Amino acid sequence: MARIRLFAGAADILGASELILEAATAGELRRLLVAGHGTSAEQVVSRCSLMVDGVRAAEDEHPVQADSLVDVLPPFAGG
């Protein structure tokens, strides 16, 4: 299972700074993150960048391995 680190607004809306989840792709991971958390979580997570093992997962098909480290990064001011 992948280790998911949540930062700023993503951590606030999901109520955790770290999760352990099993997902095969970045798109599946996004769906798991918002499941059961409502529209507000979907709005926040959809704006976040996912960094999978230090590489930006720009496409939903980006693979996530069982031992991946995924950072969920909301947009930051100025960037």
C-alpha atoms as a PDB file:
ATOM      1  CA  MET A   1       0.000   0.000   0.000  1.00  0.00           C
ATOM      2  CA  ALA A   2       1.177   3.498  -0.840  1.00  0.00           C
ATOM      3  CA  ARG A   3       2.022   6.073   1.815  1.00  0.00           C
ATOM      4  CA  ILE A   4       0.105   9.301   1.159  1.00  0.00           C
ATOM      5  CA  ARG A   5       1.242  12.575   2.718  1.00  0.00           C
ATOM      6  CA  LEU A   6      -1.331  15.381   2.756  1.00  0.00           C
ATOM      7  CA  PHE A   7      -0.425  19.047   3.118  1.00  0.00           C
ATOM      8  CA  ALA A   8      -2.243  22.306   3.940  1.00  0.00           C
ATOM      9  CA  GLY A   9      -5.885  22.382   2.775  1.00  0.00           C
ATOM     10  CA  ALA A  10      -5.808  18.741   1.669  1.00  0.00           C
ATOM     11  CA  ALA A  11      -4.849  17.624   5.168  1.00  0.00           C
ATOM     12  CA  ASP A  12      -7.481  19.909   6.689  1.00  0.00           C
ATOM     13  CA  ILE A  13     -10.370  18.734   4.514  1.00  0.00           C
ATOM     14  CA  LEU A  14      -9.477  15.030   4.805  1.00  0.00           C
ATOM     15  CA  GLY A  15      -8.688  15.230   8.516  1.00  0.00           C
ATOM     16  CA  ALA A  16      -5.272  13.569   8.315  1.00  0.00           C
ATOM     17  CA  SER A  17      -1.704  14.417   7.429  1.00  0.00           C
ATOM     18  CA  GLU A  18      -0.891  10.882   6.306  1.00  0.00           C
ATOM     19  CA  LEU A  19      -2.838   7.903   4.954  1.00  0.00           C
ATOM     20  CA  ILE A  20      -2.028   4.429   3.697  1.00  0.00           C
ATOM     21  CA  LEU A  21      -4.046   3.505   0.604  1.00  0.00           C
ATOM     22  CA  GLU A  22      -3.956   0.954  -2.182  1.00  0.00           C
ATOM     23  CA  ALA A  23      -4.368   2.413  -5.672  1.00  0.00           C
ATOM     24  CA  ALA A  24      -2.933   1.406  -9.042  1.00  0.00           C
ATOM     25  CA  THR A  25      -3.092   4.879 -10.630  1.00  0.00           C
ATOM     26  CA  ALA A  26      -3.164   8.551  -9.682  1.00  0.00           C
ATOM     27  CA  GLY A  27      -6.781   8.786 -10.837  1.00  0.00           C
ATOM     28  CA  GLU A  28      -7.821   5.886  -8.634  1.00  0.00           C
ATOM     29  CA  LEU A  29      -5.989   7.475  -5.716  1.00  0.00           C
ATOM     30  CA  ARG A  30      -7.839  10.780  -6.203  1.00  0.00           C
ATOM     31  CA  ARG A  31     -11.168   8.906  -6.194  1.00  0.00           C
ATOM     32  CA  LEU A  32     -10.224   7.096  -2.981  1.00  0.00           C
ATOM     33  CA  LEU A  33      -9.168  10.336  -1.305  1.00  0.00           C
ATOM     34  CA  VAL A  34     -12.500  12.052  -1.896  1.00  0.00           C
ATOM     35  CA  ALA A  35     -14.762   9.022  -1.321  1.00  0.00           C
ATOM     36  CA  GLY A  36     -17.034   9.752   1.613  1.00  0.00           C
ATOM     37  CA  HIS A  37     -15.712  13.278   2.134  1.00  0.00           C
ATOM     38  CA  GLY A  38     -18.185  15.212  -0.017  1.00  0.00           C
ATOM     39  CA  THR A  39     -18.001  17.939  -2.606  1.00  0.00           C
ATOM     40  CA  SER A  40     -15.608  20.141  -0.649  1.00  0.00           C
ATOM     41  CA  ALA A  41     -12.978  17.400  -0.596  1.00  0.00           C
ATOM     42  CA  GLU A  42     -13.432  16.803  -4.316  1.00  0.00           C
ATOM     43  CA  GLN A  43     -12.930  20.514  -5.018  1.00  0.00           C
ATOM     44  CA  VAL A  44      -9.733  20.635  -2.965  1.00  0.00           C
ATOM     45  CA  VAL A  45      -8.212  17.343  -4.175  1.00  0.00           C
ATOM     46  CA  SER A  46      -9.001  18.110  -7.825  1.00  0.00           C
ATOM     47  CA  ARG A  47      -6.806  21.228  -7.552  1.00  0.00           C
ATOM     48  CA  CYS A  48      -3.924  19.417  -5.871  1.00  0.00           C
ATOM     49  CA  SER A  49      -0.800  18.177  -7.565  1.00  0.00           C
ATOM     50  CA  LEU A  50       0.205  14.586  -6.886  1.00  0.00           C
ATOM     51  CA  MET A  51       3.882  13.790  -6.619  1.00  0.00           C
ATOM     52  CA  VAL A  52       4.468  10.048  -6.885  1.00  0.00           C
ATOM     53  CA  ASP A  53       7.962   9.110  -5.757  1.00  0.00           C
ATOM     54  CA  GLY A  54       9.106  12.657  -6.537  1.00  0.00           C
ATOM     55  CA  VAL A  55       7.576  12.780 -10.032  1.00  0.00           C
ATOM     56  CA  ARG A  56       4.507  14.885 -10.815  1.00  0.00           C
ATOM     57  CA  ALA A  57       1.572  12.648 -11.759  1.00  0.00           C
ATOM     58  CA  ALA A  58       0.026  14.872 -14.441  1.00  0.00           C
ATOM     59  CA  GLU A  59      -2.209  12.146 -15.898  1.00  0.00           C
ATOM     60  CA  ASP A  60      -4.792   9.948 -14.169  1.00  0.00           C
ATOM     61  CA  GLU A  61      -3.039   6.911 -15.668  1.00  0.00           C
ATOM     62  CA  HIS A  62       0.234   7.640 -13.846  1.00  0.00           C
ATOM     63  CA  PRO A  63       1.090   4.418 -11.966  1.00  0.00           C
ATOM     64  CA  VAL A  64       1.183   4.201  -8.187  1.00  0.00           C
ATOM     65  CA  GLN A  65       3.142   1.275  -6.785  1.00  0.00           C
ATOM     66  CA  ALA A  66       2.489  -0.532  -3.521  1.00  0.00           C
ATOM     67  CA  ASP A  67       5.614   1.044  -1.998  1.00  0.00           C
ATOM     68  CA  SER A  68       5.130   4.537  -3.483  1.00  0.00           C
ATOM     69  CA  LEU A  69       5.353   7.750  -1.495  1.00  0.00           C
ATOM     70  CA  VAL A  70       2.696  10.182  -2.735  1.00  0.00           C
ATOM     71  CA  ASP A  71       2.562  13.847  -1.745  1.00  0.00           C
ATOM     72  CA  VAL A  72      -0.768  15.649  -2.176  1.00  0.00           C
ATOM     73  CA  LEU A  73       0.118  19.309  -2.663  1.00  0.00           C
ATOM     74  CA  PRO A  74      -2.512  22.052  -2.867  1.00  0.00           C
ATOM     75  CA  PRO A  75      -1.695  25.099  -4.997  1.00  0.00           C
ATOM     76  CA  PHE A  76       0.551  27.521  -3.166  1.00  0.00           C
ATOM     77  CA  ALA A  77       0.416  31.295  -3.423  1.00  0.00           C
ATOM     78  CA  GLY A  78       2.380  32.579  -6.388  1.00  0.00           C
ATOM     79  CA  GLY A  79       2.687  29.238  -8.113  1.00  0.00           C
END
